[in-house]
Every structure is written in C-alpha cells, then in structure tokens.
PDB file of N, CA and C in Angstrom:
ATOM      1  N   UNK A   1      11.718  -1.397 -19.164  1.00  0.00           N
ATOM      2  CA  UNK A   1      10.365  -1.356 -19.493  1.00  0.00           C
ATOM      3  C   UNK A   1       9.487  -1.533 -18.209  1.00  0.00           C
ATOM      4  N   UNK A   2       8.415  -0.767 -18.171  1.00  0.00           N
ATOM      5  CA  UNK A   2       7.433  -0.869 -17.052  1.00  0.00           C
ATOM      6  C   UNK A   2       6.055  -1.269 -17.443  1.00  0.00           C
ATOM      7  N   UNK A   3       5.373  -1.863 -16.576  1.00  0.00           N
ATOM      8  CA  UNK A   3       4.017  -2.091 -16.777  1.00  0.00           C
ATOM      9  C   UNK A   3       3.133  -1.554 -15.793  1.00  0.00           C
ATOM     10  N   UNK A   4       1.934  -1.068 -16.178  1.00  0.00           N
ATOM     11  CA  UNK A   4       0.975  -0.604 -15.360  1.00  0.00           C
ATOM     12  C   UNK A   4      -0.260  -1.653 -15.442  1.00  0.00           C
ATOM     13  N   UNK A   5      -0.546  -2.301 -14.210  1.00  0.00           N
ATOM     14  CA  UNK A   5      -1.585  -3.270 -14.295  1.00  0.00           C
ATOM     15  C   UNK A   5      -2.834  -2.659 -13.562  1.00  0.00           C
ATOM     16  N   UNK A   6      -3.816  -2.423 -14.316  1.00  0.00           N
ATOM     17  CA  UNK A   6      -5.152  -1.991 -13.684  1.00  0.00           C
ATOM     18  C   UNK A   6      -6.193  -2.940 -13.660  1.00  0.00           C
ATOM     19  N   UNK A   7      -6.432  -3.446 -12.444  1.00  0.00           N
ATOM     20  CA  UNK A   7      -7.561  -4.334 -12.257  1.00  0.00           C
ATOM     21  C   UNK A   7      -8.839  -3.740 -11.673  1.00  0.00           C
ATOM     22  N   UNK A   8     -10.018  -4.035 -12.032  1.00  0.00           N
ATOM     23  CA  UNK A   8     -11.151  -3.380 -11.521  1.00  0.00           C
ATOM     24  C   UNK A   8     -12.420  -4.432 -11.496  1.00  0.00           C
ATOM     25  N   UNK A   9     -13.358  -4.020 -10.637  1.00  0.00           N
ATOM     26  CA  UNK A   9     -14.660  -4.637 -10.605  1.00  0.00           C
ATOM     27  C   UNK A   9     -15.579  -3.615 -11.062  1.00  0.00           C
ATOM     28  N   UNK A  10     -16.305  -3.905 -12.132  1.00  0.00           N
ATOM     29  CA  UNK A  10     -17.298  -2.916 -12.632  1.00  0.00           C
ATOM     30  C   UNK A  10     -18.519  -2.859 -11.763  1.00  0.00           C
ATOM     31  N   UNK A  11     -19.173  -1.676 -11.679  1.00  0.00           N
ATOM     32  CA  UNK A  11     -20.416  -1.423 -11.126  1.00  0.00           C
ATOM     33  C   UNK A  11     -21.545  -1.866 -12.237  1.00  0.00           C
ATOM     34  N   UNK A  12     -22.319  -2.831 -11.814  1.00  0.00           N
ATOM     35  CA  UNK A  12     -23.407  -3.289 -12.728  1.00  0.00           C
ATOM     36  C   UNK A  12     -24.268  -2.259 -13.308  1.00  0.00           C
ATOM     37  N   UNK A  13     -24.534  -1.095 -12.622  1.00  0.00           N
ATOM     38  CA  UNK A  13     -25.146  -0.117 -13.058  1.00  0.00           C
ATOM     39  C   UNK A  13     -24.624   0.798 -14.092  1.00  0.00           C
ATOM     40  N   UNK A  14     -23.340   0.583 -14.341  1.00  0.00           N
ATOM     41  CA  UNK A  14     -22.513   1.542 -15.166  1.00  0.00           C
ATOM     42  C   UNK A  14     -23.135   1.535 -16.618  1.00  0.00           C
ATOM     43  N   UNK A  15     -23.137   2.715 -17.244  1.00  0.00           N
ATOM     44  CA  UNK A  15     -23.495   2.803 -18.599  1.00  0.00           C
ATOM     45  C   UNK A  15     -22.453   2.178 -19.487  1.00  0.00           C
ATOM     46  N   UNK A  16     -22.835   1.101 -20.131  1.00  0.00           N
ATOM     47  CA  UNK A  16     -21.787   0.372 -20.993  1.00  0.00           C
ATOM     48  C   UNK A  16     -21.355   1.211 -22.147  1.00  0.00           C
ATOM     49  N   UNK A  17     -22.188   1.940 -22.766  1.00  0.00           N
ATOM     50  CA  UNK A  17     -21.838   2.615 -24.016  1.00  0.00           C
ATOM     51  C   UNK A  17     -20.902   3.760 -23.658  1.00  0.00           C
ATOM     52  N   UNK A  18     -21.288   4.611 -22.622  1.00  0.00           N
ATOM     53  CA  UNK A  18     -20.352   5.640 -22.090  1.00  0.00           C
ATOM     54  C   UNK A  18     -18.930   5.079 -21.742  1.00  0.00           C
ATOM     55  N   UNK A  19     -19.020   4.015 -20.896  1.00  0.00           N
ATOM     56  CA  UNK A  19     -17.737   3.398 -20.469  1.00  0.00           C
ATOM     57  C   UNK A  19     -17.017   2.867 -21.695  1.00  0.00           C
ATOM     58  N   UNK A  20     -17.469   2.250 -22.592  1.00  0.00           N
ATOM     59  CA  UNK A  20     -16.731   1.646 -23.793  1.00  0.00           C
ATOM     60  C   UNK A  20     -16.298   2.693 -24.637  1.00  0.00           C
ATOM     61  N   UNK A  21     -16.989   3.812 -24.878  1.00  0.00           N
ATOM     62  CA  UNK A  21     -16.431   5.036 -25.515  1.00  0.00           C
ATOM     63  C   UNK A  21     -15.303   5.671 -24.892  1.00  0.00           C
ATOM     64  N   UNK A  22     -15.510   5.773 -23.610  1.00  0.00           N
ATOM     65  CA  UNK A  22     -14.321   6.371 -22.871  1.00  0.00           C
ATOM     66  C   UNK A  22     -13.020   5.533 -22.880  1.00  0.00           C
ATOM     67  N   UNK A  23     -13.196   4.229 -22.699  1.00  0.00           N
ATOM     68  CA  UNK A  23     -12.086   3.255 -22.841  1.00  0.00           C
ATOM     69  C   UNK A  23     -11.409   3.363 -24.226  1.00  0.00           C
ATOM     70  N   UNK A  24     -12.113   3.386 -25.157  1.00  0.00           N
ATOM     71  CA  UNK A  24     -11.521   3.698 -26.626  1.00  0.00           C
ATOM     72  C   UNK A  24     -10.844   4.970 -26.707  1.00  0.00           C
ATOM     73  N   UNK A  25     -11.336   5.957 -26.171  1.00  0.00           N
ATOM     74  CA  UNK A  25     -10.698   7.308 -26.203  1.00  0.00           C
ATOM     75  C   UNK A  25      -9.534   7.322 -25.431  1.00  0.00           C
ATOM     76  N   UNK A  26      -9.421   6.705 -24.235  1.00  0.00           N
ATOM     77  CA  UNK A  26      -8.246   6.592 -23.318  1.00  0.00           C
ATOM     78  C   UNK A  26      -7.016   5.788 -24.078  1.00  0.00           C
ATOM     79  N   UNK A  27      -7.423   4.684 -24.696  1.00  0.00           N
ATOM     80  CA  UNK A  27      -6.524   3.836 -25.410  1.00  0.00           C
ATOM     81  C   UNK A  27      -5.825   4.781 -26.517  1.00  0.00           C
ATOM     82  N   UNK A  28      -6.734   5.437 -27.335  1.00  0.00           N
ATOM     83  CA  UNK A  28      -6.208   6.292 -28.301  1.00  0.00           C
ATOM     84  C   UNK A  28      -5.214   7.379 -27.678  1.00  0.00           C
ATOM     85  N   UNK A  29      -5.663   8.001 -26.642  1.00  0.00           N
ATOM     86  CA  UNK A  29      -4.711   8.905 -26.192  1.00  0.00           C
ATOM     87  C   UNK A  29      -3.339   8.373 -25.672  1.00  0.00           C
ATOM     88  N   UNK A  30      -3.456   7.166 -24.974  1.00  0.00           N
ATOM     89  CA  UNK A  30      -2.251   6.701 -24.484  1.00  0.00           C
ATOM     90  C   UNK A  30      -1.313   6.127 -25.601  1.00  0.00           C
ATOM     91  N   UNK A  31      -1.858   5.740 -26.725  1.00  0.00           N
ATOM     92  CA  UNK A  31      -1.051   5.360 -27.885  1.00  0.00           C
ATOM     93  C   UNK A  31      -0.337   6.488 -28.401  1.00  0.00           C
ATOM     94  N   UNK A  32      -0.762   7.736 -28.371  1.00  0.00           N
ATOM     95  CA  UNK A  32      -0.178   8.882 -28.750  1.00  0.00           C
ATOM     96  C   UNK A  32       1.110   9.322 -27.978  1.00  0.00           C
ATOM     97  N   UNK A  33       1.160   8.945 -26.753  1.00  0.00           N
ATOM     98  CA  UNK A  33       2.269   9.403 -25.913  1.00  0.00           C
ATOM     99  C   UNK A  33       3.547   8.708 -26.174  1.00  0.00           C
ATOM    100  N   UNK A  34       4.601   9.633 -26.152  1.00  0.00           N
ATOM    101  CA  UNK A  34       5.993   9.057 -26.311  1.00  0.00           C
ATOM    102  C   UNK A  34       6.193   8.307 -25.152  1.00  0.00           C
ATOM    103  N   UNK A  35       6.728   7.022 -25.304  1.00  0.00           N
ATOM    104  CA  UNK A  35       6.973   6.097 -24.106  1.00  0.00           C
ATOM    105  C   UNK A  35       5.969   5.038 -24.012  1.00  0.00           C
ATOM    106  N   UNK A  36       4.822   5.046 -24.733  1.00  0.00           N
ATOM    107  CA  UNK A  36       3.831   4.047 -24.749  1.00  0.00           C
ATOM    108  C   UNK A  36       4.303   2.933 -25.662  1.00  0.00           C
ATOM    109  N   UNK A  37       4.111   1.749 -25.135  1.00  0.00           N
ATOM    110  CA  UNK A  37       4.556   0.497 -25.889  1.00  0.00           C
ATOM    111  C   UNK A  37       3.364  -0.209 -26.344  1.00  0.00           C
ATOM    112  N   UNK A  38       2.530  -0.648 -25.494  1.00  0.00           N
ATOM    113  CA  UNK A  38       1.415  -1.433 -25.838  1.00  0.00           C
ATOM    114  C   UNK A  38       0.377  -1.475 -24.773  1.00  0.00           C
ATOM    115  N   UNK A  39      -0.816  -2.066 -24.987  1.00  0.00           N
ATOM    116  CA  UNK A  39      -1.926  -2.210 -24.037  1.00  0.00           C
ATOM    117  C   UNK A  39      -2.765  -3.441 -24.352  1.00  0.00           C
ATOM    118  N   UNK A  40      -3.124  -4.212 -23.375  1.00  0.00           N
ATOM    119  CA  UNK A  40      -3.990  -5.397 -23.536  1.00  0.00           C
ATOM    120  C   UNK A  40      -5.042  -5.347 -22.370  1.00  0.00           C
ATOM    121  N   UNK A  41      -6.266  -5.678 -22.745  1.00  0.00           N
ATOM    122  CA  UNK A  41      -7.344  -5.789 -21.684  1.00  0.00           C
ATOM    123  C   UNK A  41      -8.226  -7.030 -21.885  1.00  0.00           C
ATOM    124  N   UNK A  42      -8.618  -7.637 -20.733  1.00  0.00           N
ATOM    125  CA  UNK A  42      -9.457  -8.835 -20.666  1.00  0.00           C
ATOM    126  C   UNK A  42     -10.542  -8.560 -19.638  1.00  0.00           C
ATOM    127  N   UNK A  43     -11.670  -8.959 -20.011  1.00  0.00           N
ATOM    128  CA  UNK A  43     -12.918  -8.828 -19.138  1.00  0.00           C
ATOM    129  C   UNK A  43     -13.515 -10.235 -18.939  1.00  0.00           C
ATOM    130  N   UNK A  44     -13.921 -10.420 -17.658  1.00  0.00           N
ATOM    131  CA  UNK A  44     -14.740 -11.684 -17.358  1.00  0.00           C
ATOM    132  C   UNK A  44     -15.643 -11.235 -16.340  1.00  0.00           C
ATOM    133  N   UNK A  45     -17.041 -11.335 -16.739  1.00  0.00           N
ATOM    134  CA  UNK A  45     -17.921 -10.921 -15.825  1.00  0.00           C
ATOM    135  C   UNK A  45     -17.895  -9.475 -15.526  1.00  0.00           C
ATOM    136  N   UNK A  46     -17.972  -9.180 -14.165  1.00  0.00           N
ATOM    137  CA  UNK A  46     -17.733  -7.724 -13.855  1.00  0.00           C
ATOM    138  C   UNK A  46     -16.297  -7.354 -13.670  1.00  0.00           C
ATOM    139  N   UNK A  47     -15.392  -8.288 -13.768  1.00  0.00           N
ATOM    140  CA  UNK A  47     -13.876  -8.109 -13.517  1.00  0.00           C
ATOM    141  C   UNK A  47     -13.230  -7.767 -14.937  1.00  0.00           C
ATOM    142  N   UNK A  48     -12.316  -6.770 -14.725  1.00  0.00           N
ATOM    143  CA  UNK A  48     -11.469  -6.494 -15.909  1.00  0.00           C
ATOM    144  C   UNK A  48     -10.030  -6.223 -15.413  1.00  0.00           C
ATOM    145  N   UNK A  49      -9.155  -6.467 -16.398  1.00  0.00           N
ATOM    146  CA  UNK A  49      -7.685  -6.179 -16.054  1.00  0.00           C
ATOM    147  C   UNK A  49      -7.158  -5.662 -17.459  1.00  0.00           C
ATOM    148  N   UNK A  50      -6.360  -4.509 -17.254  1.00  0.00           N
ATOM    149  CA  UNK A  50      -5.768  -3.914 -18.443  1.00  0.00           C
ATOM    150  C   UNK A  50      -4.247  -3.844 -17.933  1.00  0.00           C
ATOM    151  N   UNK A  51      -3.349  -4.257 -18.884  1.00  0.00           N
ATOM    152  CA  UNK A  51      -1.943  -4.105 -18.715  1.00  0.00           C
ATOM    153  C   UNK A  51      -1.313  -3.188 -19.849  1.00  0.00           C
ATOM    154  N   UNK A  52      -0.709  -2.112 -19.385  1.00  0.00           N
ATOM    155  CA  UNK A  52      -0.159  -1.287 -20.402  1.00  0.00           C
ATOM    156  C   UNK A  52       1.374  -1.250 -20.165  1.00  0.00           C
ATOM    157  N   UNK A  53       2.137  -1.207 -21.186  1.00  0.00           N
ATOM    158  CA  UNK A  53       3.565  -1.190 -21.027  1.00  0.00           C
ATOM    159  C   UNK A  53       4.131   0.172 -21.524  1.00  0.00           C
ATOM    160  N   UNK A  54       5.218   0.620 -20.833  1.00  0.00           N
ATOM    161  CA  UNK A  54       5.713   1.837 -20.997  1.00  0.00           C
ATOM    162  C   UNK A  54       7.209   1.916 -20.996  1.00  0.00           C
ATOM    163  N   UNK A  55       7.876   2.753 -21.676  1.00  0.00           N
ATOM    164  CA  UNK A  55       9.298   2.795 -21.745  1.00  0.00           C
ATOM    165  C   UNK A  55      10.037   3.413 -20.435  1.00  0.00           C
ATOM    166  N   UNK A  56       9.209   4.212 -19.778  1.00  0.00           N
ATOM    167  CA  UNK A  56       9.829   4.810 -18.465  1.00  0.00           C
ATOM    168  C   UNK A  56       8.737   5.153 -17.477  1.00  0.00           C
ATOM    169  N   UNK A  57       9.165   5.558 -16.315  1.00  0.00           N
ATOM    170  CA  UNK A  57       8.313   5.953 -15.184  1.00  0.00           C
ATOM    171  C   UNK A  57       7.777   7.371 -15.604  1.00  0.00           C
ATOM    172  N   UNK A  58       8.562   8.105 -16.106  1.00  0.00           N
ATOM    173  CA  UNK A  58       8.201   9.426 -16.596  1.00  0.00           C
ATOM    174  C   UNK A  58       7.020   9.366 -17.652  1.00  0.00           C
ATOM    175  N   UNK A  59       6.997   8.512 -18.552  1.00  0.00           N
ATOM    176  CA  UNK A  59       5.906   8.317 -19.503  1.00  0.00           C
ATOM    177  C   UNK A  59       4.622   7.895 -18.705  1.00  0.00           C
ATOM    178  N   UNK A  60       4.822   7.048 -17.713  1.00  0.00           N
ATOM    179  CA  UNK A  60       3.538   6.676 -17.058  1.00  0.00           C
ATOM    180  C   UNK A  60       3.059   7.897 -16.197  1.00  0.00           C
ATOM    181  N   UNK A  61       3.864   8.744 -15.536  1.00  0.00           N
ATOM    182  CA  UNK A  61       3.498   9.911 -14.920  1.00  0.00           C
ATOM    183  C   UNK A  61       2.778  10.782 -15.819  1.00  0.00           C
ATOM    184  N   UNK A  62       3.401  10.974 -17.103  1.00  0.00           N
ATOM    185  CA  UNK A  62       2.697  11.905 -18.074  1.00  0.00           C
ATOM    186  C   UNK A  62       1.260  11.251 -18.313  1.00  0.00           C
ATOM    187  N   UNK A  63       1.106  10.040 -18.470  1.00  0.00           N
ATOM    188  CA  UNK A  63      -0.255   9.485 -18.797  1.00  0.00           C
ATOM    189  C   UNK A  63      -1.210   9.687 -17.528  1.00  0.00           C
ATOM    190  N   UNK A  64      -0.677   9.446 -16.431  1.00  0.00           N
ATOM    191  CA  UNK A  64      -1.504   9.694 -15.271  1.00  0.00           C
ATOM    192  C   UNK A  64      -1.940  11.116 -15.082  1.00  0.00           C
ATOM    193  N   UNK A  65      -1.167  12.029 -15.550  1.00  0.00           N
ATOM    194  CA  UNK A  65      -1.459  13.571 -15.390  1.00  0.00           C
ATOM    195  C   UNK A  65      -2.253  14.059 -16.511  1.00  0.00           C
ATOM    196  N   UNK A  66      -2.397  13.310 -17.626  1.00  0.00           N
ATOM    197  CA  UNK A  66      -3.260  13.661 -18.753  1.00  0.00           C
ATOM    198  C   UNK A  66      -4.547  14.087 -18.245  1.00  0.00           C
ATOM    199  N   UNK A  67      -5.027  15.419 -18.705  1.00  0.00           N
ATOM    200  CA  UNK A  67      -6.201  15.975 -18.286  1.00  0.00           C
ATOM    201  C   UNK A  67      -7.495  15.171 -18.572  1.00  0.00           C
ATOM    202  N   UNK A  68      -7.523  14.617 -19.833  1.00  0.00           N
ATOM    203  CA  UNK A  68      -8.619  13.850 -20.230  1.00  0.00           C
ATOM    204  C   UNK A  68      -8.666  12.524 -19.271  1.00  0.00           C
ATOM    205  N   UNK A  69      -7.454  11.943 -19.190  1.00  0.00           N
ATOM    206  CA  UNK A  69      -7.379  10.733 -18.296  1.00  0.00           C
ATOM    207  C   UNK A  69      -7.613  10.937 -16.894  1.00  0.00           C
ATOM    208  N   UNK A  70      -7.467  12.150 -16.407  1.00  0.00           N
ATOM    209  CA  UNK A  70      -7.871  12.476 -15.067  1.00  0.00           C
ATOM    210  C   UNK A  70      -9.409  12.571 -14.955  1.00  0.00           C
ATOM    211  N   UNK A  71     -10.035  13.140 -16.031  1.00  0.00           N
ATOM    212  CA  UNK A  71     -11.554  13.228 -16.054  1.00  0.00           C
ATOM    213  C   UNK A  71     -12.184  11.795 -15.977  1.00  0.00           C
ATOM    214  N   UNK A  72     -11.506  10.950 -16.871  1.00  0.00           N
ATOM    215  CA  UNK A  72     -11.981   9.638 -16.901  1.00  0.00           C
ATOM    216  C   UNK A  72     -11.788   8.883 -15.493  1.00  0.00           C
ATOM    217  N   UNK A  73     -10.701   9.111 -14.921  1.00  0.00           N
ATOM    218  CA  UNK A  73     -10.427   8.499 -13.553  1.00  0.00           C
ATOM    219  C   UNK A  73     -11.571   8.990 -12.649  1.00  0.00           C
ATOM    220  N   UNK A  74     -11.931  10.186 -12.649  1.00  0.00           N
ATOM    221  CA  UNK A  74     -12.992  10.625 -11.668  1.00  0.00           C
ATOM    222  C   UNK A  74     -14.296   9.979 -11.993  1.00  0.00           C
ATOM    223  N   UNK A  75     -14.513   9.909 -13.334  1.00  0.00           N
ATOM    224  CA  UNK A  75     -15.838   9.291 -13.737  1.00  0.00           C
ATOM    225  C   UNK A  75     -15.897   7.765 -13.306  1.00  0.00           C
ATOM    226  N   UNK A  76     -14.686   7.176 -13.456  1.00  0.00           N
ATOM    227  CA  UNK A  76     -14.558   5.735 -13.006  1.00  0.00           C
ATOM    228  C   UNK A  76     -14.914   5.597 -11.532  1.00  0.00           C
ATOM    229  N   UNK A  77     -14.343   6.447 -10.685  1.00  0.00           N
ATOM    230  CA  UNK A  77     -14.594   6.339  -9.197  1.00  0.00           C
ATOM    231  C   UNK A  77     -16.007   6.597  -8.895  1.00  0.00           C
ATOM    232  N   UNK A  78     -16.626   7.543  -9.563  1.00  0.00           N
ATOM    233  CA  UNK A  78     -18.003   7.956  -9.333  1.00  0.00           C
ATOM    234  C   UNK A  78     -19.060   7.019  -9.866  1.00  0.00           C
ATOM    235  N   UNK A  79     -18.796   6.467 -11.184  1.00  0.00           N
ATOM    236  CA  UNK A  79     -19.835   5.784 -11.994  1.00  0.00           C
ATOM    237  C   UNK A  79     -19.563   4.334 -12.266  1.00  0.00           C
ATOM    238  N   UNK A  80     -18.252   3.987 -12.564  1.00  0.00           N
ATOM    239  CA  UNK A  80     -18.081   2.673 -13.359  1.00  0.00           C
ATOM    240  C   UNK A  80     -17.666   1.551 -12.456  1.00  0.00           C
ATOM    241  N   UNK A  81     -16.791   1.841 -11.481  1.00  0.00           N
ATOM    242  CA  UNK A  81     -16.045   0.936 -10.696  1.00  0.00           C
ATOM    243  C   UNK A  81     -16.589   0.710  -9.297  1.00  0.00           C
ATOM    244  N   UNK A  82     -16.776  -0.552  -8.826  1.00  0.00           N
ATOM    245  CA  UNK A  82     -17.008  -0.983  -7.439  1.00  0.00           C
ATOM    246  C   UNK A  82     -15.545  -0.723  -6.681  1.00  0.00           C
ATOM    247  N   UNK A  83     -14.536  -1.163  -7.318  1.00  0.00           N
ATOM    248  CA  UNK A  83     -13.195  -0.929  -6.758  1.00  0.00           C
ATOM    249  C   UNK A  83     -12.160  -1.248  -7.848  1.00  0.00           C
ATOM    250  N   UNK A  84     -11.024  -0.746  -7.758  1.00  0.00           N
ATOM    251  CA  UNK A  84      -9.867  -0.983  -8.638  1.00  0.00           C
ATOM    252  C   UNK A  84      -8.560  -0.822  -7.886  1.00  0.00           C
ATOM    253  N   UNK A  85      -7.614  -1.474  -8.611  1.00  0.00           N
ATOM    254  CA  UNK A  85      -6.294  -1.426  -8.032  1.00  0.00           C
ATOM    255  C   UNK A  85      -5.252  -1.203  -9.258  1.00  0.00           C
ATOM    256  N   UNK A  86      -4.310  -0.393  -8.958  1.00  0.00           N
ATOM    257  CA  UNK A  86      -3.285  -0.024  -9.900  1.00  0.00           C
ATOM    258  C   UNK A  86      -1.899  -0.511  -9.429  1.00  0.00           C
ATOM    259  N   UNK A  87      -1.159  -1.238 -10.187  1.00  0.00           N
ATOM    260  CA  UNK A  87       0.158  -1.573  -9.717  1.00  0.00           C
ATOM    261  C   UNK A  87       1.139  -1.207 -10.884  1.00  0.00           C
ATOM    262  N   UNK A  88       2.219  -0.597 -10.469  1.00  0.00           N
ATOM    263  CA  UNK A  88       3.262  -0.277 -11.523  1.00  0.00           C
ATOM    264  C   UNK A  88       4.458  -1.155 -11.144  1.00  0.00           C
ATOM    265  N   UNK A  89       4.953  -1.843 -12.233  1.00  0.00           N
ATOM    266  CA  UNK A  89       6.062  -2.752 -11.982  1.00  0.00           C
ATOM    267  C   UNK A  89       7.091  -2.586 -12.866  1.00  0.00           C
ATOM    268  N   UNK A  90       8.250  -2.982 -12.685  1.00  0.00           N
ATOM    269  CA  UNK A  90       9.443  -2.991 -13.649  1.00  0.00           C
ATOM    270  C   UNK A  90       9.466  -4.322 -14.185  1.00  0.00           C
ATOM    271  N   UNK A  91       9.546  -4.412 -15.549  1.00  0.00           N
ATOM    272  CA  UNK A  91       9.675  -5.731 -16.210  1.00  0.00           C
ATOM    273  C   UNK A  91      11.206  -6.151 -16.207  1.00  0.00           C
ATOM    274  N   UNK A  92      11.529  -7.112 -15.488  1.00  0.00           N
ATOM    275  CA  UNK A  92      13.093  -7.360 -15.415  1.00  0.00           C
ATOM    276  C   UNK A  92      13.392  -8.592 -16.384  1.00  0.00           C
ATOM    277  N   UNK A  93      12.463  -9.247 -16.800  1.00  0.00           N
ATOM    278  CA  UNK A  93      12.676 -10.294 -17.752  1.00  0.00           C
ATOM    279  C   UNK A  93      11.456 -10.473 -18.698  1.00  0.00           C
ATOM    280  N   UNK A  94      11.582 -10.758 -19.940  1.00  0.00           N
ATOM    281  CA  UNK A  94      10.537 -10.924 -20.852  1.00  0.00           C
ATOM    282  C   UNK A  94      10.939 -12.047 -21.905  1.00  0.00           C
ATOM    283  N   UNK A  95      10.082 -12.990 -22.147  1.00  0.00           N
ATOM    284  CA  UNK A  95      10.384 -14.001 -23.064  1.00  0.00           C
ATOM    285  C   UNK A  95       9.078 -14.478 -23.714  1.00  0.00           C
ATOM    286  N   UNK A  96       9.123 -15.084 -24.941  1.00  0.00           N
ATOM    287  CA  UNK A  96       7.912 -15.504 -25.475  1.00  0.00           C
ATOM    288  C   UNK A  96       8.127 -16.845 -26.443  1.00  0.00           C
ATOM    289  N   UNK A  97       6.949 -17.403 -26.867  1.00  0.00           N
ATOM    290  CA  UNK A  97       6.942 -18.470 -27.704  1.00  0.00           C
ATOM    291  C   UNK A  97       6.019 -18.272 -28.874  1.00  0.00           C
ATOM    292  N   UNK A  98       6.464 -18.597 -29.865  1.00  0.00           N
ATOM    293  CA  UNK A  98       5.499 -18.543 -31.133  1.00  0.00           C
ATOM    294  C   UNK A  98       5.598 -19.873 -31.865  1.00  0.00           C
ATOM    295  N   UNK A  99       4.460 -20.472 -31.976  1.00  0.00           N
ATOM    296  CA  UNK A  99       4.351 -21.811 -32.675  1.00  0.00           C
ATOM    297  C   UNK A  99       4.542 -21.612 -34.146  1.00  0.00           C
ATOM    298  N   UNK A 100       5.242 -22.573 -34.851  1.00  0.00           N
ATOM    299  CA  UNK A 100       5.286 -22.422 -36.251  1.00  0.00           C
ATOM    300  C   UNK A 100       4.480 -23.556 -36.912  1.00  0.00           C
ATOM    301  N   UNK A 101       4.071 -23.440 -37.991  1.00  0.00           N
ATOM    302  CA  UNK A 101       3.242 -24.526 -38.697  1.00  0.00           C
ATOM    303  C   UNK A 101       4.241 -25.744 -39.033  1.00  0.00           C
ATOM    304  N   UNK A 102       3.927 -26.854 -38.644  1.00  0.00           N
ATOM    305  CA  UNK A 102       4.607 -27.972 -38.806  1.00  0.00           C
ATOM    306  C   UNK A 102       3.849 -28.986 -39.680  1.00  0.00           C
ATOM    307  N   UNK A 103       4.339 -29.456 -40.856  1.00  0.00           N
ATOM    308  CA  UNK A 103       3.646 -30.451 -41.660  1.00  0.00           C
ATOM    309  C   UNK A 103       3.525 -31.777 -40.932  1.00  0.00           C
ATOM    310  N   UNK A 104       2.342 -32.440 -40.939  1.00  0.00           N
ATOM    311  CA  UNK A 104       2.160 -33.625 -40.221  1.00  0.00           C
ATOM    312  C   UNK A 104       2.140 -34.785 -41.140  1.00  0.00           C
TER     313      UNK A 104
END
C-alpha cells in the first residue's frame, strides 16, 4: 500500500466555492479509479493536508495523469495555493485501535 501526502497553504484570495466544488469532484474521480483505497483531509486556517491511500504506484500514476486532475492541478498552482508539497510513501506497517463500550 502507498500513500500520497498532499500538504498546501491556501491563497487567501482563492474562490472558496470554486475550490470546494473542484475538491469534491477530484475526490469523486479518485474514488472511481482501480487501486484507490481511501482519502482523508484536514484543514486548519490556510493550511490543509490530504492523505490518499493506493494499492500501487501505477494507480497513483494513473491518478496524476487523469486529464481533469491535471486541469485542477494547474488551477491550484495559478489560483488556490501559495505553495504545496506532495510526498509519495510506501506504508510498511499499519495498526489501529478501536475503543469498545465498557460498562462502568
């Protein structure tokens, strides 16, 4: 499994409605791709981070090459972001915890 970590600082003049609509569309497109696992995003002030999980590097390459995604990337560079960074990492270990209801 691989993760793409996208961290960005938003331009305060960015059109929030246009940006939000594009983000929703990109999420929908990514979810349709074979090899997509999941995606999570968090925003705080002007900063945002999105982590998407993929089954393979080929799936990530397919997502990066998607024509609509490329248009959104260009809009991001021109309109929405002060800066951004993309990191692609291999997940070598994953574990989790889930609390259960305990009677007190």
